All heavy atoms as atom14 arrays in JSON, in Angstrom:
{
  "sequence": "VAQQRAEIAAICAETEPSWANTVEALEISGAIL",
  "atom14_mask": [
    [1, 1, 1, 1, 1, 1, 1, 0, 0, 0, 0, 0, 0, 0],
    [1, 1, 1, 1, 1, 0, 0, 0, 0, 0, 0, 0, 0, 0],
    [1, 1, 1, 1, 1, 1, 1, 1, 1, 0, 0, 0, 0, 0],
    [1, 1, 1, 1, 1, 1, 1, 1, 1, 0, 0, 0, 0, 0],
    [1, 1, 1, 1, 1, 1, 1, 1, 1, 1, 1, 0, 0, 0],
    [1, 1, 1, 1, 1, 0, 0, 0, 0, 0, 0, 0, 0, 0],
    [1, 1, 1, 1, 1, 1, 1, 1, 1, 0, 0, 0, 0, 0],
    [1, 1, 1, 1, 1, 1, 1, 1, 0, 0, 0, 0, 0, 0],
    [1, 1, 1, 1, 1, 0, 0, 0, 0, 0, 0, 0, 0, 0],
    [1, 1, 1, 1, 1, 0, 0, 0, 0, 0, 0, 0, 0, 0],
    [1, 1, 1, 1, 1, 1, 1, 1, 0, 0, 0, 0, 0, 0],
    [1, 1, 1, 1, 1, 1, 0, 0, 0, 0, 0, 0, 0, 0],
    [1, 1, 1, 1, 1, 0, 0, 0, 0, 0, 0, 0, 0, 0],
    [1, 1, 1, 1, 1, 1, 1, 1, 1, 0, 0, 0, 0, 0],
    [1, 1, 1, 1, 1, 1, 1, 0, 0, 0, 0, 0, 0, 0],
    [1, 1, 1, 1, 1, 1, 1, 1, 1, 0, 0, 0, 0, 0],
    [1, 1, 1, 1, 1, 1, 1, 0, 0, 0, 0, 0, 0, 0],
    [1, 1, 1, 1, 1, 1, 0, 0, 0, 0, 0, 0, 0, 0],
    [1, 1, 1, 1, 1, 1, 1, 1, 1, 1, 1, 1, 1, 1],
    [1, 1, 1, 1, 1, 0, 0, 0, 0, 0, 0, 0, 0, 0],
    [1, 1, 1, 1, 1, 1, 1, 1, 0, 0, 0, 0, 0, 0],
    [1, 1, 1, 1, 1, 1, 1, 0, 0, 0, 0, 0, 0, 0],
    [1, 1, 1, 1, 1, 1, 1, 0, 0, 0, 0, 0, 0, 0],
    [1, 1, 1, 1, 1, 1, 1, 1, 1, 0, 0, 0, 0, 0],
    [1, 1, 1, 1, 1, 0, 0, 0, 0, 0, 0, 0, 0, 0],
    [1, 1, 1, 1, 1, 1, 1, 1, 0, 0, 0, 0, 0, 0],
    [1, 1, 1, 1, 1, 1, 1, 1, 1, 0, 0, 0, 0, 0],
    [1, 1, 1, 1, 1, 1, 1, 1, 0, 0, 0, 0, 0, 0],
    [1, 1, 1, 1, 1, 1, 0, 0, 0, 0, 0, 0, 0, 0],
    [1, 1, 1, 1, 0, 0, 0, 0, 0, 0, 0, 0, 0, 0],
    [1, 1, 1, 1, 1, 0, 0, 0, 0, 0, 0, 0, 0, 0],
    [1, 1, 1, 1, 1, 1, 1, 1, 0, 0, 0, 0, 0, 0],
    [1, 1, 1, 1, 1, 1, 1, 1, 0, 0, 0, 0, 0, 0]
  ],
  "atom14_positions": [
    [[0.84, -1.2, 0.0], [0.0, 0.0, 0.0], [0.87, 1.25, 0.0], [0.65, 2.2, -0.76], [-0.96, -0.02, 1.2], [-1.62, 1.35, 1.39], [-2.03, -1.1, 1.03], [0.0, 0.0, 0.0], [0.0, 0.0, 0.0], [0.0, 0.0, 0.0], [0.0, 0.0, 0.0], [0.0, 0.0, 0.0], [0.0, 0.0, 0.0], [0.0, 0.0, 0.0]],
    [[1.88, 1.25, 0.86], [2.79, 2.41, 0.93], [3.51, 2.6, -0.4], [3.66, 3.74, -0.88], [3.79, 2.22, 2.07], [0.0, 0.0, 0.0], [0.0, 0.0, 0.0], [0.0, 0.0, 0.0], [0.0, 0.0, 0.0], [0.0, 0.0, 0.0], [0.0, 0.0, 0.0], [0.0, 0.0, 0.0], [0.0, 0.0, 0.0], [0.0, 0.0, 0.0]],
    [[3.97, 1.51, -1.0], [4.68, 1.61, -2.28], [3.78, 2.21, -3.35], [4.18, 3.14, -4.07], [5.15, 0.22, -2.72], [5.87, 0.23, -4.07], [5.97, -1.16, -4.69], [4.97, -1.86, -4.84], [7.18, -1.56, -5.04], [0.0, 0.0, 0.0], [0.0, 0.0, 0.0], [0.0, 0.0, 0.0], [0.0, 0.0, 0.0], [0.0, 0.0, 0.0]],
    [[2.55, 1.71, -3.47], [1.7, 2.2, -4.54], [1.27, 3.64, -4.29], [1.14, 4.42, -5.25], [0.48, 1.3, -4.73], [-0.25, 1.6, -6.04], [-1.23, 0.54, -6.44], [-1.86, -0.1, -5.6], [-1.39, 0.33, -7.74], [0.0, 0.0, 0.0], [0.0, 0.0, 0.0], [0.0, 0.0, 0.0], [0.0, 0.0, 0.0], [0.0, 0.0, 0.0]],
    [[1.06, 4.02, -3.06], [0.72, 5.42, -2.79], [1.88, 6.34, -3.19], [1.65, 7.43, -3.74], [0.36, 5.6, -1.31], [-0.99, 4.98, -0.97], [-1.47, 5.33, 0.42], [-2.8, 4.78, 0.65], [-3.85, 5.46, 1.09], [-3.73, 6.75, 1.34], [-5.01, 4.87, 1.29], [0.0, 0.0, 0.0], [0.0, 0.0, 0.0], [0.0, 0.0, 0.0]],
    [[3.1, 5.89, -2.95], [4.25, 6.69, -3.37], [4.33, 6.75, -4.89], [4.67, 7.8, -5.47], [5.54, 6.09, -2.79], [0.0, 0.0, 0.0], [0.0, 0.0, 0.0], [0.0, 0.0, 0.0], [0.0, 0.0, 0.0], [0.0, 0.0, 0.0], [0.0, 0.0, 0.0], [0.0, 0.0, 0.0], [0.0, 0.0, 0.0], [0.0, 0.0, 0.0]],
    [[4.01, 5.65, -5.55], [4.04, 5.63, -7.01], [2.98, 6.55, -7.6], [3.22, 7.24, -8.6], [3.84, 4.2, -7.51], [5.04, 3.3, -7.22], [4.75, 1.82, -7.39], [3.57, 1.43, -7.25], [5.69, 1.05, -7.65], [0.0, 0.0, 0.0], [0.0, 0.0, 0.0], [0.0, 0.0, 0.0], [0.0, 0.0, 0.0], [0.0, 0.0, 0.0]],
    [[1.8, 6.59, -6.98], [0.74, 7.49, -7.47], [1.15, 8.95, -7.25], [0.9, 9.82, -8.1], [-0.6, 7.18, -6.76], [-1.03, 5.74, -7.05], [-1.67, 8.16, -7.2], [-1.06, 5.34, -8.49], [0.0, 0.0, 0.0], [0.0, 0.0, 0.0], [0.0, 0.0, 0.0], [0.0, 0.0, 0.0], [0.0, 0.0, 0.0], [0.0, 0.0, 0.0]],
    [[1.78, 9.21, -6.12], [2.26, 10.57, -5.86], [3.28, 11.01, -6.91], [3.27, 12.16, -7.38], [2.88, 10.65, -4.46], [0.0, 0.0, 0.0], [0.0, 0.0, 0.0], [0.0, 0.0, 0.0], [0.0, 0.0, 0.0], [0.0, 0.0, 0.0], [0.0, 0.0, 0.0], [0.0, 0.0, 0.0], [0.0, 0.0, 0.0], [0.0, 0.0, 0.0]],
    [[4.13, 10.08, -7.31], [5.13, 10.39, -8.34], [4.45, 10.65, -9.69], [4.86, 11.56, -10.43], [6.13, 9.24, -8.46], [0.0, 0.0, 0.0], [0.0, 0.0, 0.0], [0.0, 0.0, 0.0], [0.0, 0.0, 0.0], [0.0, 0.0, 0.0], [0.0, 0.0, 0.0], [0.0, 0.0, 0.0], [0.0, 0.0, 0.0], [0.0, 0.0, 0.0]],
    [[3.42, 9.9, -10.02], [2.68, 10.14, -11.26], [2.08, 11.53, -11.25], [2.16, 12.28, -12.24], [1.58, 9.07, -11.43], [2.2, 7.7, -11.7], [0.61, 9.46, -12.55], [1.19, 6.55, -11.69], [0.0, 0.0, 0.0], [0.0, 0.0, 0.0], [0.0, 0.0, 0.0], [0.0, 0.0, 0.0], [0.0, 0.0, 0.0], [0.0, 0.0, 0.0]],
    [[1.48, 11.91, -10.14], [0.8, 13.2, -10.05], [1.78, 14.38, -9.94], [1.36, 15.54, -10.09], [-0.16, 13.2, -8.86], [-1.54, 12.04, -9.06], [0.0, 0.0, 0.0], [0.0, 0.0, 0.0], [0.0, 0.0, 0.0], [0.0, 0.0, 0.0], [0.0, 0.0, 0.0], [0.0, 0.0, 0.0], [0.0, 0.0, 0.0], [0.0, 0.0, 0.0]],
    [[3.05, 14.08, -9.68], [4.05, 15.15, -9.59], [4.69, 15.47, -10.94], [5.43, 16.45, -11.06], [5.13, 14.75, -8.58], [0.0, 0.0, 0.0], [0.0, 0.0, 0.0], [0.0, 0.0, 0.0], [0.0, 0.0, 0.0], [0.0, 0.0, 0.0], [0.0, 0.0, 0.0], [0.0, 0.0, 0.0], [0.0, 0.0, 0.0], [0.0, 0.0, 0.0]],
    [[4.4, 14.66, -11.94], [4.98, 14.89, -13.26], [4.46, 16.22, -13.82], [3.25, 16.46, -13.86], [4.61, 13.76, -14.21], [5.28, 12.44, -13.91], [6.73, 12.41, -14.33], [7.17, 13.36, -15.02], [7.43, 11.44, -13.99], [0.0, 0.0, 0.0], [0.0, 0.0, 0.0], [0.0, 0.0, 0.0], [0.0, 0.0, 0.0], [0.0, 0.0, 0.0]],
    [[5.38, 17.05, -14.26], [4.97, 18.37, -14.78], [4.41, 18.29, -16.19], [3.63, 19.16, -16.6], [6.17, 19.34, -14.77], [7.24, 18.76, -15.52], [6.62, 19.6, -13.34], [0.0, 0.0, 0.0], [0.0, 0.0, 0.0], [0.0, 0.0, 0.0], [0.0, 0.0, 0.0], [0.0, 0.0, 0.0], [0.0, 0.0, 0.0], [0.0, 0.0, 0.0]],
    [[4.79, 17.27, -16.95], [4.28, 17.1, -18.3], [3.71, 15.69, -18.44], [4.4, 14.76, -18.85], [5.39, 17.32, -19.33], [5.93, 18.75, -19.34], [6.97, 18.96, -20.42], [7.12, 18.05, -21.28], [7.64, 20.0, -20.42], [0.0, 0.0, 0.0], [0.0, 0.0, 0.0], [0.0, 0.0, 0.0], [0.0, 0.0, 0.0], [0.0, 0.0, 0.0]],
    [[2.43, 15.51, -18.08], [1.82, 14.18, -18.13], [1.87, 13.59, -19.54], [1.62, 14.29, -20.53], [0.38, 14.43, -17.69], [0.43, 15.72, -16.94], [1.5, 16.54, -17.59], [0.0, 0.0, 0.0], [0.0, 0.0, 0.0], [0.0, 0.0, 0.0], [0.0, 0.0, 0.0], [0.0, 0.0, 0.0], [0.0, 0.0, 0.0], [0.0, 0.0, 0.0]],
    [[2.19, 12.32, -19.62], [2.22, 11.62, -20.9], [1.63, 10.23, -20.7], [1.39, 9.79, -19.57], [3.66, 11.5, -21.41], [4.41, 10.64, -20.56], [0.0, 0.0, 0.0], [0.0, 0.0, 0.0], [0.0, 0.0, 0.0], [0.0, 0.0, 0.0], [0.0, 0.0, 0.0], [0.0, 0.0, 0.0], [0.0, 0.0, 0.0], [0.0, 0.0, 0.0]],
    [[1.42, 9.54, -21.8], [0.91, 8.17, -21.7], [1.86, 7.3, -20.88], [1.44, 6.53, -20.02], [0.74, 7.6, -23.11], [0.21, 6.2, -23.14], [0.92, 5.05, -23.36], [-1.15, 5.8, -22.95], [0.09, 3.96, -23.32], [-1.2, 4.39, -23.07], [-2.33, 6.49, -22.68], [-2.37, 3.67, -22.93], [-3.51, 5.77, -22.56], [-3.53, 4.37, -22.67]],
    [[3.17, 7.44, -21.12], [4.15, 6.6, -20.43], [4.21, 6.91, -18.94], [4.23, 5.99, -18.11], [5.52, 6.77, -21.07], [0.0, 0.0, 0.0], [0.0, 0.0, 0.0], [0.0, 0.0, 0.0], [0.0, 0.0, 0.0], [0.0, 0.0, 0.0], [0.0, 0.0, 0.0], [0.0, 0.0, 0.0], [0.0, 0.0, 0.0], [0.0, 0.0, 0.0]],
    [[4.25, 8.22, -18.58], [4.43, 8.52, -17.15], [3.12, 8.6, -16.38], [3.12, 8.86, -15.18], [5.27, 9.79, -16.96], [4.57, 11.05, -17.45], [3.35, 11.17, -17.44], [5.38, 12.04, -17.88], [0.0, 0.0, 0.0], [0.0, 0.0, 0.0], [0.0, 0.0, 0.0], [0.0, 0.0, 0.0], [0.0, 0.0, 0.0], [0.0, 0.0, 0.0]],
    [[2.0, 8.37, -17.07], [0.71, 8.37, -16.38], [0.06, 6.99, -16.45], [0.03, 6.26, -15.46], [-0.23, 9.43, -16.98], [0.4, 10.71, -16.9], [-1.55, 9.47, -16.23], [0.0, 0.0, 0.0], [0.0, 0.0, 0.0], [0.0, 0.0, 0.0], [0.0, 0.0, 0.0], [0.0, 0.0, 0.0], [0.0, 0.0, 0.0], [0.0, 0.0, 0.0]],
    [[-0.43, 6.61, -17.61], [-1.17, 5.35, -17.72], [-0.25, 4.14, -17.58], [-0.54, 3.21, -16.82], [-1.94, 5.3, -19.06], [-2.55, 3.93, -19.28], [-3.02, 6.38, -19.07], [0.0, 0.0, 0.0], [0.0, 0.0, 0.0], [0.0, 0.0, 0.0], [0.0, 0.0, 0.0], [0.0, 0.0, 0.0], [0.0, 0.0, 0.0], [0.0, 0.0, 0.0]],
    [[0.88, 4.15, -18.29], [1.78, 3.0, -18.18], [2.4, 2.92, -16.79], [2.59, 1.82, -16.26], [2.85, 3.06, -19.26], [2.27, 2.83, -20.66], [3.32, 2.63, -21.72], [4.5, 3.02, -21.48], [2.99, 2.1, -22.8], [0.0, 0.0, 0.0], [0.0, 0.0, 0.0], [0.0, 0.0, 0.0], [0.0, 0.0, 0.0], [0.0, 0.0, 0.0]],
    [[2.66, 4.08, -16.19], [3.18, 4.06, -14.82], [2.14, 3.5, -13.85], [2.48, 2.78, -12.91], [3.59, 5.47, -14.4], [0.0, 0.0, 0.0], [0.0, 0.0, 0.0], [0.0, 0.0, 0.0], [0.0, 0.0, 0.0], [0.0, 0.0, 0.0], [0.0, 0.0, 0.0], [0.0, 0.0, 0.0], [0.0, 0.0, 0.0], [0.0, 0.0, 0.0]],
    [[0.87, 3.81, -14.07], [-0.2, 3.25, -13.24], [-0.29, 1.74, -13.44], [-0.47, 0.99, -12.46], [-1.53, 3.92, -13.6], [-2.78, 3.4, -12.86], [-2.63, 3.54, -11.35], [-4.03, 4.15, -13.35], [0.0, 0.0, 0.0], [0.0, 0.0, 0.0], [0.0, 0.0, 0.0], [0.0, 0.0, 0.0], [0.0, 0.0, 0.0], [0.0, 0.0, 0.0]],
    [[-0.17, 1.28, -14.66], [-0.21, -0.17, -14.94], [0.91, -0.92, -14.22], [0.72, -2.05, -13.77], [-0.11, -0.41, -16.44], [-1.39, -0.21, -17.2], [-2.37, -1.33, -16.97], [-2.23, -2.41, -17.57], [-3.29, -1.14, -16.16], [0.0, 0.0, 0.0], [0.0, 0.0, 0.0], [0.0, 0.0, 0.0], [0.0, 0.0, 0.0], [0.0, 0.0, 0.0]],
    [[2.07, -0.3, -14.14], [3.22, -0.96, -13.52], [3.15, -0.9, -12.0], [3.7, -1.76, -11.3], [4.53, -0.3, -14.01], [4.73, -0.59, -15.51], [5.74, -0.77, -13.23], [5.85, 0.22, -16.13], [0.0, 0.0, 0.0], [0.0, 0.0, 0.0], [0.0, 0.0, 0.0], [0.0, 0.0, 0.0], [0.0, 0.0, 0.0], [0.0, 0.0, 0.0]],
    [[2.46, 0.06, -11.45], [2.47, 0.3, -10.0], [1.84, -0.87, -9.24], [1.09, -1.67, -9.8], [1.71, 1.58, -9.68], [0.31, 1.42, -9.88], [0.0, 0.0, 0.0], [0.0, 0.0, 0.0], [0.0, 0.0, 0.0], [0.0, 0.0, 0.0], [0.0, 0.0, 0.0], [0.0, 0.0, 0.0], [0.0, 0.0, 0.0], [0.0, 0.0, 0.0]],
    [[2.19, -0.95, -7.95], [1.56, -1.94, -7.06], [2.14, -3.33, -7.15], [1.44, -4.31, -6.86], [0.0, 0.0, 0.0], [0.0, 0.0, 0.0], [0.0, 0.0, 0.0], [0.0, 0.0, 0.0], [0.0, 0.0, 0.0], [0.0, 0.0, 0.0], [0.0, 0.0, 0.0], [0.0, 0.0, 0.0], [0.0, 0.0, 0.0], [0.0, 0.0, 0.0]],
    [[3.41, -3.48, -7.48], [4.01, -4.81, -7.67], [3.98, -5.64, -6.39], [3.7, -6.84, -6.43], [5.44, -4.67, -8.18], [0.0, 0.0, 0.0], [0.0, 0.0, 0.0], [0.0, 0.0, 0.0], [0.0, 0.0, 0.0], [0.0, 0.0, 0.0], [0.0, 0.0, 0.0], [0.0, 0.0, 0.0], [0.0, 0.0, 0.0], [0.0, 0.0, 0.0]],
    [[4.28, -5.02, -5.26], [4.28, -5.79, -4.0], [2.87, -6.29, -3.69], [2.68, -7.44, -3.28], [4.83, -4.94, -2.85], [6.31, -4.63, -3.06], [4.64, -5.65, -1.5], [6.91, -3.71, -2.01], [0.0, 0.0, 0.0], [0.0, 0.0, 0.0], [0.0, 0.0, 0.0], [0.0, 0.0, 0.0], [0.0, 0.0, 0.0], [0.0, 0.0, 0.0]],
    [[1.88, -5.43, -3.88], [0.5, -5.85, -3.63], [0.1, -7.01, -4.53], [-0.57, -7.95, -4.09], [-0.46, -4.68, -3.85], [-0.6, -3.67, -2.72], [-1.57, -2.56, -3.13], [-1.08, -4.34, -1.44], [0.0, 0.0, 0.0], [0.0, 0.0, 0.0], [0.0, 0.0, 0.0], [0.0, 0.0, 0.0], [0.0, 0.0, 0.0], [0.0, 0.0, 0.0]]
  ]
}
């Protein structure tokens, strides 16, 4: 849970959202869970 929350925070901190750093990053997130 902590890992994925940090990953979501990193996605939302991107200054120039893109498919790779938003949707693909979301798809990759949560590996431990």
